Amino acid sequence: MPTHVSAEAHGDERGALLAFLEAQRGGLRRSVLGLTDEQAARKPSASELSLSGLLKHVAEVELNWLETARQVPQTVVRGMDNWHLGFELEGAETVASILAAWEETARRTEEFIKGLPDLNATFPLPEAPWFPPKAEQSMRWLVLHLIEEVARHAGHADIIRESLDGKTAFALVDEERAAQA
């Protein structure tokens, strides 16, 4: 991991989990640093993945899990007929618009998690062949699953970005820090 992650305070499990989630989000955000929408849409490997597609996918996944945990209807519904659209920018979508939407989702996720009385609270998993019937998971599981999901795709993004222009995660951290200075 190219950045150090600190919990908000000693013993603050919620803060630590959210800090690790944000660190992984940062890795994905940095993967498009300095790229045009066209560059971010390139697929430089045998994979069908692009950086913009990964951003869109992860933003949708986080939104869907947040809505599942809150037990509200899904804003974005993907099925066999439109699954591929979760990995492609459509119409007026841009890297900037996806990042802005994801930033809002991240804010809502953190607000939701911080507002819970207990991370042991549960929510029902959706009906799906890969979940046990009538399964419930804790809010702690939710945050850990989001960390897992984002980290997996941040690793994909590292490979794609390095394939595009040779820049590694460490170089992008340096660029981001220089831009903020």
C-alpha atoms as a PDB file:
ATOM      1  CA  MET A   1       0.000   0.000   0.000  1.00  0.00           C
ATOM      2  CA  PRO A   2       1.562   3.302  -1.036  1.00  0.00           C
ATOM      3  CA  THR A   3      -0.050   5.376   1.736  1.00  0.00           C
ATOM      4  CA  HIS A   4      -0.107   5.020   5.534  1.00  0.00           C
ATOM      5  CA  VAL A   5      -3.562   4.614   7.063  1.00  0.00           C
ATOM      6  CA  SER A   6      -4.325   5.862  10.568  1.00  0.00           C
ATOM      7  CA  ALA A   7      -7.486   5.314  12.559  1.00  0.00           C
ATOM      8  CA  GLU A   8      -9.209   8.461  13.791  1.00  0.00           C
ATOM      9  CA  ALA A   9      -8.350   7.589  17.406  1.00  0.00           C
ATOM     10  CA  HIS A  10      -6.927   4.620  19.309  1.00  0.00           C
ATOM     11  CA  GLY A  11      -9.581   1.932  19.607  1.00  0.00           C
ATOM     12  CA  ASP A  12     -11.880   3.580  17.045  1.00  0.00           C
ATOM     13  CA  GLU A  13     -12.875   0.553  14.977  1.00  0.00           C
ATOM     14  CA  ARG A  14     -15.344   2.488  12.861  1.00  0.00           C
ATOM     15  CA  GLY A  15     -12.806   5.206  12.106  1.00  0.00           C
ATOM     16  CA  ALA A  16     -10.124   2.639  11.268  1.00  0.00           C
ATOM     17  CA  LEU A  17     -12.403   0.722   8.890  1.00  0.00           C
ATOM     18  CA  LEU A  18     -13.532   3.908   7.154  1.00  0.00           C
ATOM     19  CA  ALA A  19      -9.924   5.133   6.908  1.00  0.00           C
ATOM     20  CA  PHE A  20      -8.862   1.899   5.194  1.00  0.00           C
ATOM     21  CA  LEU A  21     -11.831   2.146   2.842  1.00  0.00           C
ATOM     22  CA  GLU A  22     -10.909   5.731   1.974  1.00  0.00           C
ATOM     23  CA  ALA A  23      -7.280   4.734   1.375  1.00  0.00           C
ATOM     24  CA  GLN A  24      -8.412   2.169  -1.189  1.00  0.00           C
ATOM     25  CA  ARG A  25     -10.744   4.684  -2.817  1.00  0.00           C
ATOM     26  CA  GLY A  26      -7.765   7.023  -3.068  1.00  0.00           C
ATOM     27  CA  GLY A  27      -5.784   4.394  -4.972  1.00  0.00           C
ATOM     28  CA  LEU A  28      -8.525   4.160  -7.581  1.00  0.00           C
ATOM     29  CA  ARG A  29      -8.959   7.925  -7.803  1.00  0.00           C
ATOM     30  CA  ARG A  30      -5.223   8.401  -8.301  1.00  0.00           C
ATOM     31  CA  SER A  31      -5.227   5.869 -11.137  1.00  0.00           C
ATOM     32  CA  VAL A  32      -6.847   8.458 -13.419  1.00  0.00           C
ATOM     33  CA  LEU A  33      -4.749  11.395 -12.244  1.00  0.00           C
ATOM     34  CA  GLY A  34      -3.754  13.493 -15.259  1.00  0.00           C
ATOM     35  CA  LEU A  35      -5.547  11.307 -17.807  1.00  0.00           C
ATOM     36  CA  THR A  36      -8.137  12.411 -20.343  1.00  0.00           C
ATOM     37  CA  ASP A  37     -11.457  10.568 -20.570  1.00  0.00           C
ATOM     38  CA  GLU A  38     -10.167   8.919 -23.740  1.00  0.00           C
ATOM     39  CA  GLN A  39      -7.010   7.675 -22.028  1.00  0.00           C
ATOM     40  CA  ALA A  40      -9.019   6.425 -19.030  1.00  0.00           C
ATOM     41  CA  ALA A  41     -11.284   4.451 -21.382  1.00  0.00           C
ATOM     42  CA  ARG A  42      -8.389   2.554 -23.003  1.00  0.00           C
ATOM     43  CA  LYS A  43      -8.074  -1.184 -22.432  1.00  0.00           C
ATOM     44  CA  PRO A  44      -4.316  -1.823 -22.694  1.00  0.00           C
ATOM     45  CA  SER A  45      -4.353  -5.503 -21.745  1.00  0.00           C
ATOM     46  CA  ALA A  46      -6.150  -8.737 -22.584  1.00  0.00           C
ATOM     47  CA  SER A  47      -8.768  -7.697 -20.019  1.00  0.00           C
ATOM     48  CA  GLU A  48     -11.893  -5.769 -20.971  1.00  0.00           C
ATOM     49  CA  LEU A  49     -11.271  -3.432 -18.016  1.00  0.00           C
ATOM     50  CA  SER A  50     -10.508   0.271 -18.360  1.00  0.00           C
ATOM     51  CA  LEU A  51      -9.817   2.797 -15.619  1.00  0.00           C
ATOM     52  CA  SER A  52     -13.037   4.699 -16.268  1.00  0.00           C
ATOM     53  CA  GLY A  53     -14.977   1.422 -16.295  1.00  0.00           C
ATOM     54  CA  LEU A  54     -13.448   0.375 -12.983  1.00  0.00           C
ATOM     55  CA  LEU A  55     -14.350   3.733 -11.433  1.00  0.00           C
ATOM     56  CA  LYS A  56     -17.939   3.435 -12.594  1.00  0.00           C
ATOM     57  CA  HIS A  57     -18.212  -0.167 -11.414  1.00  0.00           C
ATOM     58  CA  VAL A  58     -16.835   0.558  -7.951  1.00  0.00           C
ATOM     59  CA  ALA A  59     -18.999   3.672  -7.569  1.00  0.00           C
ATOM     60  CA  GLU A  60     -22.100   1.638  -8.469  1.00  0.00           C
ATOM     61  CA  VAL A  61     -21.108  -1.249  -6.214  1.00  0.00           C
ATOM     62  CA  GLU A  62     -20.645   1.024  -3.202  1.00  0.00           C
ATOM     63  CA  LEU A  63     -23.965   2.738  -3.885  1.00  0.00           C
ATOM     64  CA  ASN A  64     -25.749  -0.604  -4.228  1.00  0.00           C
ATOM     65  CA  TRP A  65     -24.294  -1.966  -0.996  1.00  0.00           C
ATOM     66  CA  LEU A  66     -25.174   1.245   0.855  1.00  0.00           C
ATOM     67  CA  GLU A  67     -28.750   1.011  -0.396  1.00  0.00           C
ATOM     68  CA  THR A  68     -28.904  -2.698   0.447  1.00  0.00           C
ATOM     69  CA  ALA A  69     -27.728  -2.026   4.007  1.00  0.00           C
ATOM     70  CA  ARG A  70     -30.178   0.863   4.369  1.00  0.00           C
ATOM     71  CA  GLN A  71     -32.879  -1.424   2.903  1.00  0.00           C
ATOM     72  CA  VAL A  72     -33.988   1.067   0.263  1.00  0.00           C
ATOM     73  CA  PRO A  73     -34.585   0.419  -3.454  1.00  0.00           C
ATOM     74  CA  GLN A  74     -31.540   0.235  -5.703  1.00  0.00           C
ATOM     75  CA  THR A  75     -30.815   3.347  -7.745  1.00  0.00           C
ATOM     76  CA  VAL A  76     -28.894   1.308 -10.327  1.00  0.00           C
ATOM     77  CA  VAL A  77     -30.142  -2.161 -11.221  1.00  0.00           C
ATOM     78  CA  ARG A  78     -27.852  -4.374 -13.252  1.00  0.00           C
ATOM     79  CA  GLY A  79     -28.819  -7.678 -14.809  1.00  0.00           C
ATOM     80  CA  MET A  80     -27.566  -9.907 -17.582  1.00  0.00           C
ATOM     81  CA  ASP A  81     -28.891  -7.480 -20.221  1.00  0.00           C
ATOM     82  CA  ASN A  82     -27.058  -4.394 -18.928  1.00  0.00           C
ATOM     83  CA  TRP A  83     -24.211  -5.714 -16.725  1.00  0.00           C
ATOM     84  CA  HIS A  84     -21.592  -4.505 -19.236  1.00  0.00           C
ATOM     85  CA  LEU A  85     -22.848  -0.910 -18.890  1.00  0.00           C
ATOM     86  CA  GLY A  86     -21.551  -0.882 -15.323  1.00  0.00           C
ATOM     87  CA  PHE A  87     -18.049  -0.887 -16.825  1.00  0.00           C
ATOM     88  CA  GLU A  88     -18.541   1.720 -19.567  1.00  0.00           C
ATOM     89  CA  LEU A  89     -19.132   5.448 -19.512  1.00  0.00           C
ATOM     90  CA  GLU A  90     -22.377   6.290 -21.298  1.00  0.00           C
ATOM     91  CA  GLY A  91     -23.809   9.469 -22.784  1.00  0.00           C
ATOM     92  CA  ALA A  92     -22.671  12.530 -20.856  1.00  0.00           C
ATOM     93  CA  GLU A  93     -20.767  10.511 -18.233  1.00  0.00           C
ATOM     94  CA  THR A  94     -17.146  11.534 -17.753  1.00  0.00           C
ATOM     95  CA  VAL A  95     -14.411  10.488 -15.364  1.00  0.00           C
ATOM     96  CA  ALA A  96     -15.090  13.726 -13.460  1.00  0.00           C
ATOM     97  CA  SER A  97     -18.833  13.044 -13.207  1.00  0.00           C
ATOM     98  CA  ILE A  98     -18.245   9.469 -12.013  1.00  0.00           C
ATOM     99  CA  LEU A  99     -15.720  10.693  -9.431  1.00  0.00           C
ATOM    100  CA  ALA A 100     -18.193  13.339  -8.210  1.00  0.00           C
ATOM    101  CA  ALA A 101     -21.006  10.787  -7.903  1.00  0.00           C
ATOM    102  CA  TRP A 102     -18.697   8.378  -6.091  1.00  0.00           C
ATOM    103  CA  GLU A 103     -17.558  11.145  -3.729  1.00  0.00           C
ATOM    104  CA  GLU A 104     -21.203  11.756  -2.804  1.00  0.00           C
ATOM    105  CA  THR A 105     -21.778   8.033  -2.276  1.00  0.00           C
ATOM    106  CA  ALA A 106     -18.630   7.827  -0.127  1.00  0.00           C
ATOM    107  CA  ARG A 107     -19.871  10.749   1.966  1.00  0.00           C
ATOM    108  CA  ARG A 108     -23.230   9.018   2.425  1.00  0.00           C
ATOM    109  CA  THR A 109     -21.550   5.690   3.285  1.00  0.00           C
ATOM    110  CA  GLU A 110     -19.390   7.308   5.936  1.00  0.00           C
ATOM    111  CA  GLU A 111     -22.324   9.269   7.358  1.00  0.00           C
ATOM    112  CA  PHE A 112     -24.395   6.074   7.525  1.00  0.00           C
ATOM    113  CA  ILE A 113     -21.655   4.016   9.193  1.00  0.00           C
ATOM    114  CA  LYS A 114     -20.776   6.771  11.692  1.00  0.00           C
ATOM    115  CA  GLY A 115     -24.461   7.176  12.566  1.00  0.00           C
ATOM    116  CA  LEU A 116     -25.055   3.526  13.415  1.00  0.00           C
ATOM    117  CA  PRO A 117     -25.439   2.723  17.082  1.00  0.00           C
ATOM    118  CA  ASP A 118     -23.482  -0.508  16.601  1.00  0.00           C
ATOM    119  CA  LEU A 119     -21.497  -2.215  13.828  1.00  0.00           C
ATOM    120  CA  ASN A 120     -23.110  -5.480  14.922  1.00  0.00           C
ATOM    121  CA  ALA A 121     -26.446  -4.312  13.499  1.00  0.00           C
ATOM    122  CA  THR A 122     -27.480  -6.488  10.566  1.00  0.00           C
ATOM    123  CA  PHE A 123     -29.212  -6.189   7.229  1.00  0.00           C
ATOM    124  CA  PRO A 124     -30.583  -8.887   4.926  1.00  0.00           C
ATOM    125  CA  LEU A 125     -28.558  -9.870   1.898  1.00  0.00           C
ATOM    126  CA  PRO A 126     -30.375  -9.738  -1.421  1.00  0.00           C
ATOM    127  CA  GLU A 127     -31.734 -12.937  -2.898  1.00  0.00           C
ATOM    128  CA  ALA A 128     -28.982 -14.272  -5.154  1.00  0.00           C
ATOM    129  CA  PRO A 129     -27.599 -17.706  -5.983  1.00  0.00           C
ATOM    130  CA  TRP A 130     -24.238 -16.818  -4.394  1.00  0.00           C
ATOM    131  CA  PHE A 131     -25.730 -15.834  -1.012  1.00  0.00           C
ATOM    132  CA  PRO A 132     -27.216 -18.273   1.481  1.00  0.00           C
ATOM    133  CA  PRO A 133     -31.022 -18.059   1.688  1.00  0.00           C
ATOM    134  CA  LYS A 134     -32.325 -15.468   4.163  1.00  0.00           C
ATOM    135  CA  ALA A 135     -28.754 -14.473   5.085  1.00  0.00           C
ATOM    136  CA  GLU A 136     -27.989 -11.369   7.120  1.00  0.00           C
ATOM    137  CA  GLN A 137     -24.671  -9.619   7.544  1.00  0.00           C
ATOM    138  CA  SER A 138     -23.377  -7.062   9.999  1.00  0.00           C
ATOM    139  CA  MET A 139     -22.542  -3.480   9.186  1.00  0.00           C
ATOM    140  CA  ARG A 140     -18.943  -4.388  10.040  1.00  0.00           C
ATOM    141  CA  TRP A 141     -19.097  -6.999   7.263  1.00  0.00           C
ATOM    142  CA  LEU A 142     -20.432  -4.299   4.923  1.00  0.00           C
ATOM    143  CA  VAL A 143     -17.427  -2.025   5.456  1.00  0.00           C
ATOM    144  CA  LEU A 144     -14.973  -4.926   5.256  1.00  0.00           C
ATOM    145  CA  HIS A 145     -16.617  -6.085   2.030  1.00  0.00           C
ATOM    146  CA  LEU A 146     -16.374  -2.570   0.557  1.00  0.00           C
ATOM    147  CA  ILE A 147     -12.672  -2.455   1.487  1.00  0.00           C
ATOM    148  CA  GLU A 148     -12.209  -5.831  -0.213  1.00  0.00           C
ATOM    149  CA  GLU A 149     -14.114  -4.772  -3.338  1.00  0.00           C
ATOM    150  CA  VAL A 150     -12.353  -1.435  -3.763  1.00  0.00           C
ATOM    151  CA  ALA A 151      -8.902  -2.891  -2.982  1.00  0.00           C
ATOM    152  CA  ARG A 152      -9.348  -5.632  -5.576  1.00  0.00           C
ATOM    153  CA  HIS A 153     -10.158  -3.081  -8.248  1.00  0.00           C
ATOM    154  CA  ALA A 154      -7.477  -0.639  -7.088  1.00  0.00           C
ATOM    155  CA  GLY A 155      -5.000  -3.428  -7.853  1.00  0.00           C
ATOM    156  CA  HIS A 156      -6.509  -3.832 -11.310  1.00  0.00           C
ATOM    157  CA  ALA A 157      -6.220  -0.066 -11.769  1.00  0.00           C
ATOM    158  CA  ASP A 158      -2.527  -0.116 -10.811  1.00  0.00           C
ATOM    159  CA  ILE A 159      -1.813  -2.618 -13.589  1.00  0.00           C
ATOM    160  CA  ILE A 160      -3.902  -0.766 -16.164  1.00  0.00           C
ATOM    161  CA  ARG A 161      -2.314   2.605 -15.371  1.00  0.00           C
ATOM    162  CA  GLU A 162       1.196   1.205 -15.497  1.00  0.00           C
ATOM    163  CA  SER A 163       0.329  -0.407 -18.849  1.00  0.00           C
ATOM    164  CA  LEU A 164      -0.916   2.942 -20.184  1.00  0.00           C
ATOM    165  CA  ASP A 165       2.045   5.158 -19.351  1.00  0.00           C
ATOM    166  CA  GLY A 166       4.385   3.373 -16.940  1.00  0.00           C
ATOM    167  CA  LYS A 167       3.228   5.305 -13.873  1.00  0.00           C
ATOM    168  CA  THR A 168       3.038   3.263 -10.678  1.00  0.00           C
ATOM    169  CA  ALA A 169       0.937   3.832  -7.587  1.00  0.00           C
ATOM    170  CA  PHE A 170       3.917   5.376  -5.775  1.00  0.00           C
ATOM    171  CA  ALA A 171       4.550   7.860  -8.601  1.00  0.00           C
ATOM    172  CA  LEU A 172       0.866   8.826  -8.581  1.00  0.00           C
ATOM    173  CA  VAL A 173       0.929   9.381  -4.798  1.00  0.00           C
ATOM    174  CA  ASP A 174       3.883  11.729  -5.329  1.00  0.00           C
ATOM    175  CA  GLU A 175       2.045  13.569  -8.126  1.00  0.00           C
ATOM    176  CA  GLU A 176      -1.084  13.933  -6.005  1.00  0.00           C
ATOM    177  CA  ARG A 177       0.933  15.293  -3.063  1.00  0.00           C
ATOM    178  CA  ALA A 178       2.789  17.741  -5.318  1.00  0.00           C
ATOM    179  CA  ALA A 179      -0.516  18.999  -6.766  1.00  0.00           C
ATOM    180  CA  GLN A 180      -1.893  19.556  -3.252  1.00  0.00           C
ATOM    181  CA  ALA A 181       1.209  21.444  -2.051  1.00  0.00           C
END
